Structure formats: structure tokens, C-alpha cells
Amino acid sequence: MNVIALKQKISESEKITINLGLIDLGQIDLLVQEGFYSNRTDLIRTAIRNQLTVHAETVKQTVARKSLVLGMQTYSRAELQTLRDNGQTLHIQVLGLATIALDVSAELACATIASISVLGAFHASAAVKAALADRIH
């Protein structure tokens, strides 16, 4: 019997829900209908990216000032065990995606993670998230 191990797929995007007024929605639909955008999502993504470009310098300065990790950061069981063995704790500050490996126990996470601040998405097992709930800001 062949067993194929599949890696957990990490989504490069998160689904969000927004509420728009009917006039805004109608204007979006008009632009889509006229061929400026392929669909509503295309317009919304473009608008968000344009605003992020406008504020790029502010984001860059804030990331530096707050010492945030920018992008994707994964914390493995081995890394956390090393921290525990050295009597150290971790303050996670990420702008993007922070992931705690699925093989990290709730006990190990509690022993090594002092605080979590994520602007974006935080992935961890349900047990780890529950154990760290009071440390997530």
C-alpha cells in the first residue's frame, strides 16, 4: 500500500467579508460591466493595493519601529524546545502570516511564547490557540 504524505497547504490569502452600500455596489458592477475589471473582487483587490501603495512609507516605518517580522514566519517545535531549554521566551510580532507548527503541544507553546501580535493571519492548532488565548493581542 502506497502512502503519500501531503503537506498542509498554507493559503496565500484570507477570505474577508465587507458590507457596501447599494450605490457603491452598483458603481462597481457598472465598472465590471464596462470591462474595467473582470469582477467585483478584481476591483476591490485593486483598490486595496492602490491604498497600500499610497501608505507604503507609513507601513515601512511602522514595521521598523515596532520590530515586526514582515511576511511569513513559522515557529517549529525544535525552535521552541531550544528556547525552553535555554529558559527563554518569545514575543511574536508579525505582519503577514505567523504559523506555529502543528506538532507543537499546548504546553510547549505556553512555556515559550510570552505574547503574540499578528497583523494578518495566525495559524496554529486549536489546542495551541486556546492555550495562548490570553497572550494573543
Foldseek 3Di string as FASTA:
>chain_A
DDDDDDDDDDDQDDDDDDDDDPVVVVVLVVCCVVPVAVHSVRVVVVVVVVVCVVCVVVVVVVCVVVVAAEEEEEAEQVNLVVCLVVQEADEHHYEYEYEYDAPHALVSLVSHYQAHEYNHYYYYDPRNCVSCVVRYD
